């Protein structure tokens, strides 16, 4: 998916734009609330955004 997004430029207002993708995923534990799950996914997203392209983080 990352490669597909990066290799598909989009033209907006006569400007060609390229995009990258950062995704944060989290695995729910039985004791987790929705807020916990979202917080864990957000933390994973922040790590992905800080560390740059082609990074996979498991926690």
PDB file of N, CA and C in Angstrom:
ATOM      1  N   UNK A   1       0.825  -1.171   0.000  1.00  0.00           N
ATOM      2  CA  UNK A   1       0.000   0.000   0.000  1.00  0.00           C
ATOM      3  C   UNK A   1       0.881   1.251   0.000  1.00  0.00           C
ATOM      4  N   UNK A   2       1.953   1.226   0.819  1.00  0.00           N
ATOM      5  CA  UNK A   2       2.838   2.381   0.900  1.00  0.00           C
ATOM      6  C   UNK A   2       3.431   2.715  -0.459  1.00  0.00           C
ATOM      7  N   UNK A   3       3.912   1.693  -1.154  1.00  0.00           N
ATOM      8  CA  UNK A   3       4.507   1.922  -2.483  1.00  0.00           C
ATOM      9  C   UNK A   3       3.473   2.421  -3.478  1.00  0.00           C
ATOM     10  N   UNK A   4       2.276   1.878  -3.417  1.00  0.00           N
ATOM     11  CA  UNK A   4       1.219   2.296  -4.343  1.00  0.00           C
ATOM     12  C   UNK A   4       0.860   3.766  -4.136  1.00  0.00           C
ATOM     13  N   UNK A   5       0.708   4.176  -2.891  1.00  0.00           N
ATOM     14  CA  UNK A   5       0.396   5.582  -2.602  1.00  0.00           C
ATOM     15  C   UNK A   5       1.535   6.473  -3.083  1.00  0.00           C
ATOM     16  N   UNK A   6       2.776   6.089  -2.768  1.00  0.00           N
ATOM     17  CA  UNK A   6       3.933   6.909  -3.140  1.00  0.00           C
ATOM     18  C   UNK A   6       4.115   7.000  -4.650  1.00  0.00           C
ATOM     19  N   UNK A   7       3.710   5.968  -5.383  1.00  0.00           N
ATOM     20  CA  UNK A   7       3.928   5.961  -6.832  1.00  0.00           C
ATOM     21  C   UNK A   7       2.732   6.481  -7.623  1.00  0.00           C
ATOM     22  N   UNK A   8       1.742   7.033  -6.937  1.00  0.00           N
ATOM     23  CA  UNK A   8       0.551   7.544  -7.610  1.00  0.00           C
ATOM     24  C   UNK A   8       0.389   9.036  -7.326  1.00  0.00           C
ATOM     25  N   UNK A   9       1.073   9.888  -8.098  1.00  0.00           N
ATOM     26  CA  UNK A   9       0.920  11.327  -7.885  1.00  0.00           C
ATOM     27  C   UNK A   9      -0.492  11.789  -8.232  1.00  0.00           C
ATOM     28  N   UNK A  10      -0.894  12.871  -7.604  1.00  0.00           N
ATOM     29  CA  UNK A  10      -2.224  13.444  -7.807  1.00  0.00           C
ATOM     30  C   UNK A  10      -2.042  14.870  -8.296  1.00  0.00           C
ATOM     31  N   UNK A  11      -2.840  15.257  -9.282  1.00  0.00           N
ATOM     32  CA  UNK A  11      -2.766  16.624  -9.777  1.00  0.00           C
ATOM     33  C   UNK A  11      -3.900  17.441  -9.170  1.00  0.00           C
ATOM     34  N   UNK A  12      -3.527  18.537  -8.504  1.00  0.00           N
ATOM     35  CA  UNK A  12      -4.491  19.445  -7.888  1.00  0.00           C
ATOM     36  C   UNK A  12      -4.106  20.862  -8.278  1.00  0.00           C
ATOM     37  N   UNK A  13      -5.046  21.574  -8.881  1.00  0.00           N
ATOM     38  CA  UNK A  13      -4.790  22.957  -9.314  1.00  0.00           C
ATOM     39  C   UNK A  13      -3.520  23.062 -10.150  1.00  0.00           C
ATOM     40  N   UNK A  14      -3.376  22.157 -11.094  1.00  0.00           N
ATOM     41  CA  UNK A  14      -2.250  22.119 -12.035  1.00  0.00           C
ATOM     42  C   UNK A  14      -0.912  21.857 -11.349  1.00  0.00           C
ATOM     43  N   UNK A  15      -0.935  21.342 -10.136  1.00  0.00           N
ATOM     44  CA  UNK A  15       0.295  20.969  -9.439  1.00  0.00           C
ATOM     45  C   UNK A  15       0.275  19.472  -9.189  1.00  0.00           C
ATOM     46  N   UNK A  16       1.379  18.833  -9.474  1.00  0.00           N
ATOM     47  CA  UNK A  16       1.512  17.393  -9.280  1.00  0.00           C
ATOM     48  C   UNK A  16       2.053  17.139  -7.867  1.00  0.00           C
ATOM     49  N   UNK A  17       1.283  16.432  -7.065  1.00  0.00           N
ATOM     50  CA  UNK A  17       1.647  16.166  -5.676  1.00  0.00           C
ATOM     51  C   UNK A  17       1.859  14.675  -5.448  1.00  0.00           C
ATOM     52  N   UNK A  18       2.845  14.355  -4.642  1.00  0.00           N
ATOM     53  CA  UNK A  18       3.085  12.971  -4.228  1.00  0.00           C
ATOM     54  C   UNK A  18       2.833  12.871  -2.733  1.00  0.00           C
ATOM     55  N   UNK A  19       2.466  11.695  -2.294  1.00  0.00           N
ATOM     56  CA  UNK A  19       2.115  11.493  -0.897  1.00  0.00           C
ATOM     57  C   UNK A  19       2.883  10.320  -0.316  1.00  0.00           C
ATOM     58  N   UNK A  20       3.016  10.327   1.002  1.00  0.00           N
ATOM     59  CA  UNK A  20       3.538   9.183   1.738  1.00  0.00           C
ATOM     60  C   UNK A  20       2.457   8.727   2.716  1.00  0.00           C
ATOM     61  N   UNK A  21       2.688   7.590   3.332  1.00  0.00           N
ATOM     62  CA  UNK A  21       1.686   7.019   4.225  1.00  0.00           C
ATOM     63  C   UNK A  21       2.314   6.657   5.566  1.00  0.00           C
ATOM     64  N   UNK A  22       1.669   7.036   6.628  1.00  0.00           N
ATOM     65  CA  UNK A  22       2.042   6.595   7.975  1.00  0.00           C
ATOM     66  C   UNK A  22       0.778   6.048   8.628  1.00  0.00           C
ATOM     67  N   UNK A  23       0.910   4.882   9.239  1.00  0.00           N
ATOM     68  CA  UNK A  23      -0.250   4.221   9.835  1.00  0.00           C
ATOM     69  C   UNK A  23       0.123   3.735  11.231  1.00  0.00           C
ATOM     70  N   UNK A  24      -0.778   3.902  12.172  1.00  0.00           N
ATOM     71  CA  UNK A  24      -0.587   3.369  13.515  1.00  0.00           C
ATOM     72  C   UNK A  24      -1.639   2.315  13.803  1.00  0.00           C
ATOM     73  N   UNK A  25      -1.193   1.135  14.167  1.00  0.00           N
ATOM     74  CA  UNK A  25      -2.105   0.035  14.495  1.00  0.00           C
ATOM     75  C   UNK A  25      -1.856  -0.420  15.922  1.00  0.00           C
ATOM     76  N   UNK A  26      -2.888  -0.925  16.550  1.00  0.00           N
ATOM     77  CA  UNK A  26      -2.756  -1.444  17.911  1.00  0.00           C
ATOM     78  C   UNK A  26      -3.602  -2.696  18.056  1.00  0.00           C
ATOM     79  N   UNK A  27      -3.123  -3.599  18.870  1.00  0.00           N
ATOM     80  CA  UNK A  27      -3.879  -4.815  19.172  1.00  0.00           C
ATOM     81  C   UNK A  27      -4.606  -4.615  20.491  1.00  0.00           C
ATOM     82  N   UNK A  28      -5.872  -4.903  20.496  1.00  0.00           N
ATOM     83  CA  UNK A  28      -6.677  -4.737  21.712  1.00  0.00           C
ATOM     84  C   UNK A  28      -6.466  -5.922  22.646  1.00  0.00           C
ATOM     85  N   UNK A  29      -6.305  -5.606  23.899  1.00  0.00           N
ATOM     86  CA  UNK A  29      -6.271  -6.614  24.954  1.00  0.00           C
ATOM     87  C   UNK A  29      -7.658  -6.633  25.603  1.00  0.00           C
ATOM     88  N   UNK A  30      -8.048  -7.750  26.209  1.00  0.00           N
ATOM     89  CA  UNK A  30      -9.398  -7.832  26.793  1.00  0.00           C
ATOM     90  C   UNK A  30      -9.719  -6.708  27.779  1.00  0.00           C
ATOM     91  N   UNK A  31      -8.730  -6.227  28.505  1.00  0.00           N
ATOM     92  CA  UNK A  31      -8.980  -5.183  29.510  1.00  0.00           C
ATOM     93  C   UNK A  31      -9.004  -3.772  28.916  1.00  0.00           C
ATOM     94  N   UNK A  32      -8.605  -3.608  27.644  1.00  0.00           N
ATOM     95  CA  UNK A  32      -8.513  -2.282  27.020  1.00  0.00           C
ATOM     96  C   UNK A  32      -9.884  -1.677  26.745  1.00  0.00           C
ATOM     97  N   UNK A  33      -9.977  -0.387  26.978  1.00  0.00           N
ATOM     98  CA  UNK A  33     -11.164   0.368  26.572  1.00  0.00           C
ATOM     99  C   UNK A  33     -10.919   0.888  25.157  1.00  0.00           C
ATOM    100  N   UNK A  34     -11.957   1.450  24.546  1.00  0.00           N
ATOM    101  CA  UNK A  34     -11.780   2.065  23.230  1.00  0.00           C
ATOM    102  C   UNK A  34     -10.754   3.193  23.309  1.00  0.00           C
ATOM    103  N   UNK A  35     -10.796   3.954  24.396  1.00  0.00           N
ATOM    104  CA  UNK A  35      -9.830   5.043  24.569  1.00  0.00           C
ATOM    105  C   UNK A  35      -8.400   4.509  24.643  1.00  0.00           C
ATOM    106  N   UNK A  36      -8.204   3.375  25.326  1.00  0.00           N
ATOM    107  CA  UNK A  36      -6.878   2.752  25.396  1.00  0.00           C
ATOM    108  C   UNK A  36      -6.405   2.351  24.001  1.00  0.00           C
ATOM    109  N   UNK A  37      -7.281   1.700  23.259  1.00  0.00           N
ATOM    110  CA  UNK A  37      -6.933   1.233  21.923  1.00  0.00           C
ATOM    111  C   UNK A  37      -6.563   2.396  21.012  1.00  0.00           C
ATOM    112  N   UNK A  38      -7.339   3.448  21.047  1.00  0.00           N
ATOM    113  CA  UNK A  38      -7.049   4.627  20.224  1.00  0.00           C
ATOM    114  C   UNK A  38      -5.732   5.264  20.656  1.00  0.00           C
ATOM    115  N   UNK A  39      -5.484   5.338  21.955  1.00  0.00           N
ATOM    116  CA  UNK A  39      -4.230   5.914  22.452  1.00  0.00           C
ATOM    117  C   UNK A  39      -3.030   5.096  21.986  1.00  0.00           C
ATOM    118  N   UNK A  40      -3.138   3.763  22.013  1.00  0.00           N
ATOM    119  CA  UNK A  40      -2.041   2.906  21.559  1.00  0.00           C
ATOM    120  C   UNK A  40      -1.811   3.062  20.054  1.00  0.00           C
ATOM    121  N   UNK A  41      -2.884   3.113  19.288  1.00  0.00           N
ATOM    122  CA  UNK A  41      -2.753   3.303  17.838  1.00  0.00           C
ATOM    123  C   UNK A  41      -2.155   4.670  17.529  1.00  0.00           C
ATOM    124  N   UNK A  42      -2.562   5.681  18.263  1.00  0.00           N
ATOM    125  CA  UNK A  42      -2.020   7.021  18.063  1.00  0.00           C
ATOM    126  C   UNK A  42      -0.530   7.062  18.401  1.00  0.00           C
ATOM    127  N   UNK A  43      -0.125   6.381  19.463  1.00  0.00           N
ATOM    128  CA  UNK A  43       1.293   6.321  19.826  1.00  0.00           C
ATOM    129  C   UNK A  43       2.098   5.637  18.725  1.00  0.00           C
ATOM    130  N   UNK A  44       1.563   4.553  18.158  1.00  0.00           N
ATOM    131  CA  UNK A  44       2.241   3.870  17.057  1.00  0.00           C
ATOM    132  C   UNK A  44       2.335   4.774  15.834  1.00  0.00           C
ATOM    133  N   UNK A  45       1.291   5.533  15.560  1.00  0.00           N
ATOM    134  CA  UNK A  45       1.306   6.478  14.442  1.00  0.00           C
ATOM    135  C   UNK A  45       2.372   7.544  14.650  1.00  0.00           C
ATOM    136  N   UNK A  46       2.475   8.065  15.860  1.00  0.00           N
ATOM    137  CA  UNK A  46       3.478   9.092  16.146  1.00  0.00           C
ATOM    138  C   UNK A  46       4.893   8.557  15.941  1.00  0.00           C
ATOM    139  N   UNK A  47       5.152   7.315  16.354  1.00  0.00           N
ATOM    140  CA  UNK A  47       6.459   6.698  16.128  1.00  0.00           C
ATOM    141  C   UNK A  47       6.712   6.567  14.636  1.00  0.00           C
ATOM    142  N   UNK A  48       5.720   6.107  13.895  1.00  0.00           N
ATOM    143  CA  UNK A  48       5.852   5.956  12.450  1.00  0.00           C
ATOM    144  C   UNK A  48       6.172   7.287  11.781  1.00  0.00           C
ATOM    145  N   UNK A  49       5.497   8.332  12.183  1.00  0.00           N
ATOM    146  CA  UNK A  49       5.712   9.649  11.583  1.00  0.00           C
ATOM    147  C   UNK A  49       7.097  10.202  11.940  1.00  0.00           C
ATOM    148  N   UNK A  50       7.560   9.961  13.162  1.00  0.00           N
ATOM    149  CA  UNK A  50       8.873  10.465  13.591  1.00  0.00           C
ATOM    150  C   UNK A  50      10.019   9.733  12.915  1.00  0.00           C
ATOM    151  N   UNK A  51       9.868   8.429  12.731  1.00  0.00           N
ATOM    152  CA  UNK A  51      10.982   7.625  12.240  1.00  0.00           C
ATOM    153  C   UNK A  51      11.063   7.574  10.729  1.00  0.00           C
ATOM    154  N   UNK A  52      10.048   8.048  10.045  1.00  0.00           N
ATOM    155  CA  UNK A  52      10.131   8.166   8.594  1.00  0.00           C
ATOM    156  C   UNK A  52       9.643   6.953   7.838  1.00  0.00           C
ATOM    157  N   UNK A  53      10.028   6.945   6.603  1.00  0.00           N
ATOM    158  CA  UNK A  53       9.565   6.005   5.601  1.00  0.00           C
ATOM    159  C   UNK A  53      10.083   4.584   5.847  1.00  0.00           C
ATOM    160  N   UNK A  54       9.289   3.593   5.475  1.00  0.00           N
ATOM    161  CA  UNK A  54       9.685   2.185   5.472  1.00  0.00           C
ATOM    162  C   UNK A  54       9.987   1.648   6.863  1.00  0.00           C
ATOM    163  N   UNK A  55       9.215   2.047   7.848  1.00  0.00           N
ATOM    164  CA  UNK A  55       9.467   1.629   9.219  1.00  0.00           C
ATOM    165  C   UNK A  55       8.284   0.824   9.735  1.00  0.00           C
ATOM    166  N   UNK A  56       8.583  -0.287  10.377  1.00  0.00           N
ATOM    167  CA  UNK A  56       7.558  -1.081  11.030  1.00  0.00           C
ATOM    168  C   UNK A  56       7.917  -1.189  12.503  1.00  0.00           C
ATOM    169  N   UNK A  57       6.975  -0.905  13.370  1.00  0.00           N
ATOM    170  CA  UNK A  57       7.214  -0.952  14.804  1.00  0.00           C
ATOM    171  C   UNK A  57       6.198  -1.898  15.424  1.00  0.00           C
ATOM    172  N   UNK A  58       6.674  -2.844  16.205  1.00  0.00           N
ATOM    173  CA  UNK A  58       5.791  -3.746  16.934  1.00  0.00           C
ATOM    174  C   UNK A  58       5.972  -3.484  18.422  1.00  0.00           C
ATOM    175  N   UNK A  59       4.859  -3.390  19.135  1.00  0.00           N
ATOM    176  CA  UNK A  59       4.962  -3.169  20.577  1.00  0.00           C
ATOM    177  C   UNK A  59       4.033  -4.108  21.308  1.00  0.00           C
TER     178      UNK A  59
END
